[in-house]
Amino acid sequence: MADLIDALRRFDPGMEVRLAVQPRLPQEHAISAVAEADGIVWIGDGGARGYCPDEVAERLGWL
């Protein structure tokens, strides 16, 4: 979890967070609840919001 926290520290805390999934057809999903179970932190899917812009896929190394 420290890796995720460190990666997020460089951004403004007021920014929205989205999860990019499916590298071949990049989609963006909202983040919902965050919970812990059996020593694992789970980030809930808040639903699809559409497709990621090409710039996002490029910055993630998917294009």
PDB file of N, CA and C in Angstrom:
ATOM      1  N   MET A   1       0.823  -1.183   0.000  1.00  0.00           N
ATOM      2  CA  MET A   1       0.000   0.000   0.000  1.00  0.00           C
ATOM      3  C   MET A   1       0.872   1.252   0.000  1.00  0.00           C
ATOM      4  N   ALA A   2       2.058   1.166   0.582  1.00  0.00           N
ATOM      5  CA  ALA A   2       2.947   2.327   0.611  1.00  0.00           C
ATOM      6  C   ALA A   2       3.285   2.797  -0.804  1.00  0.00           C
ATOM      7  N   ASP A   3       3.412   1.862  -1.759  1.00  0.00           N
ATOM      8  CA  ASP A   3       3.703   2.237  -3.152  1.00  0.00           C
ATOM      9  C   ASP A   3       2.589   3.100  -3.737  1.00  0.00           C
ATOM     10  N   LEU A   4       1.342   2.730  -3.473  1.00  0.00           N
ATOM     11  CA  LEU A   4       0.205   3.508  -3.978  1.00  0.00           C
ATOM     12  C   LEU A   4       0.166   4.884  -3.328  1.00  0.00           C
ATOM     13  N   ILE A   5       0.355   4.933  -2.022  1.00  0.00           N
ATOM     14  CA  ILE A   5       0.350   6.216  -1.313  1.00  0.00           C
ATOM     15  C   ILE A   5       1.458   7.112  -1.841  1.00  0.00           C
ATOM     16  N   ASP A   6       2.655   6.568  -2.009  1.00  0.00           N
ATOM     17  CA  ASP A   6       3.777   7.353  -2.539  1.00  0.00           C
ATOM     18  C   ASP A   6       3.484   7.860  -3.948  1.00  0.00           C
ATOM     19  N   ALA A   7       2.883   7.025  -4.787  1.00  0.00           N
ATOM     20  CA  ALA A   7       2.570   7.433  -6.159  1.00  0.00           C
ATOM     21  C   ALA A   7       1.541   8.560  -6.179  1.00  0.00           C
ATOM     22  N   LEU A   8       0.603   8.550  -5.235  1.00  0.00           N
ATOM     23  CA  LEU A   8      -0.458   9.564  -5.207  1.00  0.00           C
ATOM     24  C   LEU A   8      -0.017  10.882  -4.586  1.00  0.00           C
ATOM     25  N   ARG A   9       1.035  10.879  -3.788  1.00  0.00           N
ATOM     26  CA  ARG A   9       1.485  12.098  -3.094  1.00  0.00           C
ATOM     27  C   ARG A   9       1.853  13.231  -4.039  1.00  0.00           C
ATOM     28  N   ARG A  10       2.241  12.937  -5.254  1.00  0.00           N
ATOM     29  CA  ARG A  10       2.686  13.996  -6.175  1.00  0.00           C
ATOM     30  C   ARG A  10       1.526  14.761  -6.806  1.00  0.00           C
ATOM     31  N   PHE A  11       0.295  14.314  -6.559  1.00  0.00           N
ATOM     32  CA  PHE A  11      -0.879  14.964  -7.137  1.00  0.00           C
ATOM     33  C   PHE A  11      -1.632  15.778  -6.090  1.00  0.00           C
ATOM     34  N   ASP A  12      -2.386  16.763  -6.552  1.00  0.00           N
ATOM     35  CA  ASP A  12      -3.234  17.581  -5.687  1.00  0.00           C
ATOM     36  C   ASP A  12      -4.275  16.687  -5.027  1.00  0.00           C
ATOM     37  N   PRO A  13      -4.412  16.724  -3.690  1.00  0.00           N
ATOM     38  CA  PRO A  13      -5.377  15.852  -3.012  1.00  0.00           C
ATOM     39  C   PRO A  13      -6.832  16.123  -3.381  1.00  0.00           C
ATOM     40  N   GLY A  14      -7.105  17.261  -4.000  1.00  0.00           N
ATOM     41  CA  GLY A  14      -8.471  17.578  -4.413  1.00  0.00           C
ATOM     42  C   GLY A  14      -8.860  17.002  -5.773  1.00  0.00           C
ATOM     43  N   MET A  15      -7.913  16.352  -6.456  1.00  0.00           N
ATOM     44  CA  MET A  15      -8.190  15.801  -7.786  1.00  0.00           C
ATOM     45  C   MET A  15      -9.069  14.558  -7.687  1.00  0.00           C
ATOM     46  N   GLU A  16      -9.856  14.319  -8.738  1.00  0.00           N
ATOM     47  CA  GLU A  16     -10.637  13.084  -8.824  1.00  0.00           C
ATOM     48  C   GLU A  16      -9.702  11.912  -9.092  1.00  0.00           C
ATOM     49  N   VAL A  17     -10.119  10.738  -8.671  1.00  0.00           N
ATOM     50  CA  VAL A  17      -9.342   9.520  -8.914  1.00  0.00           C
ATOM     51  C   VAL A  17     -10.164   8.598  -9.801  1.00  0.00           C
ATOM     52  N   ARG A  18      -9.542   8.051 -10.826  1.00  0.00           N
ATOM     53  CA  ARG A  18     -10.172   7.080 -11.714  1.00  0.00           C
ATOM     54  C   ARG A  18      -9.245   5.885 -11.849  1.00  0.00           C
ATOM     55  N   LEU A  19      -9.813   4.744 -12.123  1.00  0.00           N
ATOM     56  CA  LEU A  19      -9.063   3.519 -12.337  1.00  0.00           C
ATOM     57  C   LEU A  19      -9.134   3.177 -13.816  1.00  0.00           C
ATOM     58  N   ALA A  20      -7.980   3.035 -14.464  1.00  0.00           N
ATOM     59  CA  ALA A  20      -7.941   2.650 -15.875  1.00  0.00           C
ATOM     60  C   ALA A  20      -7.800   1.135 -15.943  1.00  0.00           C
ATOM     61  N   VAL A  21      -8.626   0.491 -16.775  1.00  0.00           N
ATOM     62  CA  VAL A  21      -8.607  -0.965 -16.912  1.00  0.00           C
ATOM     63  C   VAL A  21      -8.638  -1.349 -18.389  1.00  0.00           C
ATOM     64  N   GLN A  22      -8.295  -2.568 -18.671  1.00  0.00           N
ATOM     65  CA  GLN A  22      -8.335  -3.164 -20.007  1.00  0.00           C
ATOM     66  C   GLN A  22      -7.426  -2.432 -21.002  1.00  0.00           C
ATOM     67  N   PRO A  23      -6.128  -2.722 -20.977  1.00  0.00           N
ATOM     68  CA  PRO A  23      -5.185  -2.024 -21.846  1.00  0.00           C
ATOM     69  C   PRO A  23      -5.532  -2.036 -23.334  1.00  0.00           C
ATOM     70  N   ARG A  24      -6.180  -3.066 -23.832  1.00  0.00           N
ATOM     71  CA  ARG A  24      -6.483  -3.110 -25.274  1.00  0.00           C
ATOM     72  C   ARG A  24      -7.659  -2.218 -25.654  1.00  0.00           C
ATOM     73  N   LEU A  25      -8.539  -1.938 -24.715  1.00  0.00           N
ATOM     74  CA  LEU A  25      -9.690  -1.063 -24.939  1.00  0.00           C
ATOM     75  C   LEU A  25      -9.871  -0.263 -23.651  1.00  0.00           C
ATOM     76  N   PRO A  26      -8.966   0.711 -23.386  1.00  0.00           N
ATOM     77  CA  PRO A  26      -8.908   1.379 -22.090  1.00  0.00           C
ATOM     78  C   PRO A  26     -10.226   2.045 -21.683  1.00  0.00           C
ATOM     79  N   GLN A  27     -10.695   1.656 -20.522  1.00  0.00           N
ATOM     80  CA  GLN A  27     -11.899   2.238 -19.950  1.00  0.00           C
ATOM     81  C   GLN A  27     -11.537   2.886 -18.625  1.00  0.00           C
ATOM     82  N   GLU A  28     -12.335   3.876 -18.220  1.00  0.00           N
ATOM     83  CA  GLU A  28     -12.126   4.491 -16.930  1.00  0.00           C
ATOM     84  C   GLU A  28     -13.283   4.132 -16.010  1.00  0.00           C
ATOM     85  N   HIS A  29     -12.929   3.844 -14.765  1.00  0.00           N
ATOM     86  CA  HIS A  29     -13.904   3.495 -13.745  1.00  0.00           C
ATOM     87  C   HIS A  29     -13.713   4.411 -12.552  1.00  0.00           C
ATOM     88  N   ALA A  30     -14.811   4.784 -11.916  1.00  0.00           N
ATOM     89  CA  ALA A  30     -14.741   5.570 -10.689  1.00  0.00           C
ATOM     90  C   ALA A  30     -14.325   4.659  -9.543  1.00  0.00           C
ATOM     91  N   ILE A  31     -13.830   5.253  -8.498  1.00  0.00           N
ATOM     92  CA  ILE A  31     -13.460   4.542  -7.281  1.00  0.00           C
ATOM     93  C   ILE A  31     -14.618   4.691  -6.298  1.00  0.00           C
ATOM     94  N   SER A  32     -14.984   3.615  -5.613  1.00  0.00           N
ATOM     95  CA  SER A  32     -16.034   3.737  -4.592  1.00  0.00           C
ATOM     96  C   SER A  32     -15.422   3.432  -3.229  1.00  0.00           C
ATOM     97  N   ALA A  33     -16.012   2.573  -2.472  1.00  0.00           N
ATOM     98  CA  ALA A  33     -15.550   2.282  -1.115  1.00  0.00           C
ATOM     99  C   ALA A  33     -14.179   1.616  -1.111  1.00  0.00           C
ATOM    100  N   VAL A  34     -13.448   1.843  -0.039  1.00  0.00           N
ATOM    101  CA  VAL A  34     -12.166   1.191   0.196  1.00  0.00           C
ATOM    102  C   VAL A  34     -12.314   0.419   1.499  1.00  0.00           C
ATOM    103  N   ALA A  35     -11.918  -0.852   1.499  1.00  0.00           N
ATOM    104  CA  ALA A  35     -12.093  -1.702   2.670  1.00  0.00           C
ATOM    105  C   ALA A  35     -10.882  -2.609   2.849  1.00  0.00           C
ATOM    106  N   GLU A  36     -10.768  -3.194   4.033  1.00  0.00           N
ATOM    107  CA  GLU A  36      -9.696  -4.135   4.342  1.00  0.00           C
ATOM    108  C   GLU A  36     -10.313  -5.464   4.746  1.00  0.00           C
ATOM    109  N   ALA A  37      -9.727  -6.541   4.255  1.00  0.00           N
ATOM    110  CA  ALA A  37     -10.140  -7.890   4.637  1.00  0.00           C
ATOM    111  C   ALA A  37      -8.930  -8.808   4.532  1.00  0.00           C
ATOM    112  N   ASP A  38      -8.651  -9.558   5.570  1.00  0.00           N
ATOM    113  CA  ASP A  38      -7.555 -10.525   5.591  1.00  0.00           C
ATOM    114  C   ASP A  38      -6.208  -9.905   5.231  1.00  0.00           C
ATOM    115  N   GLY A  39      -5.973  -8.678   5.675  1.00  0.00           N
ATOM    116  CA  GLY A  39      -4.694  -8.026   5.436  1.00  0.00           C
ATOM    117  C   GLY A  39      -4.519  -7.447   4.048  1.00  0.00           C
ATOM    118  N   ILE A  40      -5.582  -7.369   3.271  1.00  0.00           N
ATOM    119  CA  ILE A  40      -5.536  -6.805   1.916  1.00  0.00           C
ATOM    120  C   ILE A  40      -6.468  -5.607   1.865  1.00  0.00           C
ATOM    121  N   VAL A  41      -6.010  -4.511   1.248  1.00  0.00           N
ATOM    122  CA  VAL A  41      -6.857  -3.339   1.049  1.00  0.00           C
ATOM    123  C   VAL A  41      -7.503  -3.454  -0.324  1.00  0.00           C
ATOM    124  N   TRP A  42      -8.829  -3.348  -0.355  1.00  0.00           N
ATOM    125  CA  TRP A  42      -9.602  -3.476  -1.591  1.00  0.00           C
ATOM    126  C   TRP A  42     -10.177  -2.120  -1.979  1.00  0.00           C
ATOM    127  N   ILE A  43     -10.075  -1.790  -3.257  1.00  0.00           N
ATOM    128  CA  ILE A  43     -10.644  -0.554  -3.789  1.00  0.00           C
ATOM    129  C   ILE A  43     -11.853  -0.946  -4.628  1.00  0.00           C
ATOM    130  N   GLY A  44     -13.020  -0.485  -4.211  1.00  0.00           N
ATOM    131  CA  GLY A  44     -14.253  -0.841  -4.910  1.00  0.00           C
ATOM    132  C   GLY A  44     -14.425  -0.093  -6.221  1.00  0.00           C
ATOM    133  N   ASP A  45     -15.034  -0.748  -7.173  1.00  0.00           N
ATOM    134  CA  ASP A  45     -15.333  -0.173  -8.485  1.00  0.00           C
ATOM    135  C   ASP A  45     -16.607   0.646  -8.380  1.00  0.00           C
ATOM    136  N   GLY A  46     -16.505   1.926  -8.703  1.00  0.00           N
ATOM    137  CA  GLY A  46     -17.655   2.820  -8.647  1.00  0.00           C
ATOM    138  C   GLY A  46     -18.404   2.909  -9.962  1.00  0.00           C
ATOM    139  N   GLY A  47     -18.085   2.025 -10.897  1.00  0.00           N
ATOM    140  CA  GLY A  47     -18.796   2.004 -12.176  1.00  0.00           C
ATOM    141  C   GLY A  47     -18.011   2.624 -13.312  1.00  0.00           C
ATOM    142  N   ALA A  48     -18.263   2.132 -14.501  1.00  0.00           N
ATOM    143  CA  ALA A  48     -17.598   2.626 -15.712  1.00  0.00           C
ATOM    144  C   ALA A  48     -18.044   4.047 -16.005  1.00  0.00           C
ATOM    145  N   ARG A  49     -17.109   4.860 -16.456  1.00  0.00           N
ATOM    146  CA  ARG A  49     -17.391   6.252 -16.807  1.00  0.00           C
ATOM    147  C   ARG A  49     -17.172   6.511 -18.291  1.00  0.00           C
ATOM    148  N   GLY A  50     -16.713   5.516 -19.013  1.00  0.00           N
ATOM    149  CA  GLY A  50     -16.446   5.694 -20.436  1.00  0.00           C
ATOM    150  C   GLY A  50     -15.061   5.174 -20.777  1.00  0.00           C
ATOM    151  N   TYR A  51     -14.537   5.651 -21.873  1.00  0.00           N
ATOM    152  CA  TYR A  51     -13.223   5.221 -22.329  1.00  0.00           C
ATOM    153  C   TYR A  51     -12.176   6.258 -21.957  1.00  0.00           C
ATOM    154  N   CYS A  52     -10.969   5.777 -21.652  1.00  0.00           N
ATOM    155  CA  CYS A  52      -9.862   6.668 -21.332  1.00  0.00           C
ATOM    156  C   CYS A  52      -9.410   7.390 -22.595  1.00  0.00           C
ATOM    157  N   PRO A  53      -9.002   8.637 -22.459  1.00  0.00           N
ATOM    158  CA  PRO A  53      -8.395   9.323 -23.599  1.00  0.00           C
ATOM    159  C   PRO A  53      -7.098   8.616 -24.004  1.00  0.00           C
ATOM    160  N   ASP A  54      -6.730   8.738 -25.259  1.00  0.00           N
ATOM    161  CA  ASP A  54      -5.491   8.127 -25.746  1.00  0.00           C
ATOM    162  C   ASP A  54      -4.282   8.580 -24.925  1.00  0.00           C
ATOM    163  N   GLU A  55      -4.290   9.832 -24.475  1.00  0.00           N
ATOM    164  CA  GLU A  55      -3.176  10.350 -23.676  1.00  0.00           C
ATOM    165  C   GLU A  55      -2.977   9.519 -22.401  1.00  0.00           C
ATOM    166  N   VAL A  56      -4.066   9.092 -21.782  1.00  0.00           N
ATOM    167  CA  VAL A  56      -3.986   8.268 -20.570  1.00  0.00           C
ATOM    168  C   VAL A  56      -3.340   6.926 -20.899  1.00  0.00           C
ATOM    169  N   ALA A  57      -3.824   6.280 -21.962  1.00  0.00           N
ATOM    170  CA  ALA A  57      -3.277   4.980 -22.358  1.00  0.00           C
ATOM    171  C   ALA A  57      -1.783   5.109 -22.681  1.00  0.00           C
ATOM    172  N   GLU A  58      -1.390   6.210 -23.322  1.00  0.00           N
ATOM    173  CA  GLU A  58       0.028   6.432 -23.645  1.00  0.00           C
ATOM    174  C   GLU A  58       0.851   6.573 -22.375  1.00  0.00           C
ATOM    175  N   ARG A  59       0.376   7.380 -21.424  1.00  0.00           N
ATOM    176  CA  ARG A  59       1.132   7.608 -20.188  1.00  0.00           C
ATOM    177  C   ARG A  59       1.221   6.357 -19.327  1.00  0.00           C
ATOM    178  N   LEU A  60       0.240   5.450 -19.475  1.00  0.00           N
ATOM    179  CA  LEU A  60       0.285   4.182 -18.758  1.00  0.00           C
ATOM    180  C   LEU A  60       1.129   3.139 -19.484  1.00  0.00           C
ATOM    181  N   GLY A  61       1.602   3.494 -20.683  1.00  0.00           N
ATOM    182  CA  GLY A  61       2.438   2.573 -21.467  1.00  0.00           C
ATOM    183  C   GLY A  61       1.642   1.520 -22.200  1.00  0.00           C
ATOM    184  N   TRP A  62       0.363   1.793 -22.452  1.00  0.00           N
ATOM    185  CA  TRP A  62      -0.516   0.814 -23.111  1.00  0.00           C
ATOM    186  C   TRP A  62      -0.546   1.013 -24.623  1.00  0.00           C
ATOM    187  N   LEU A  63      -0.064   2.115 -25.135  1.00  0.00           N
ATOM    188  CA  LEU A  63      -0.034   2.356 -26.591  1.00  0.00           C
ATOM    189  C   LEU A  63       1.404   2.434 -27.064  1.00  0.00           C
TER     190      LEU A  63
END
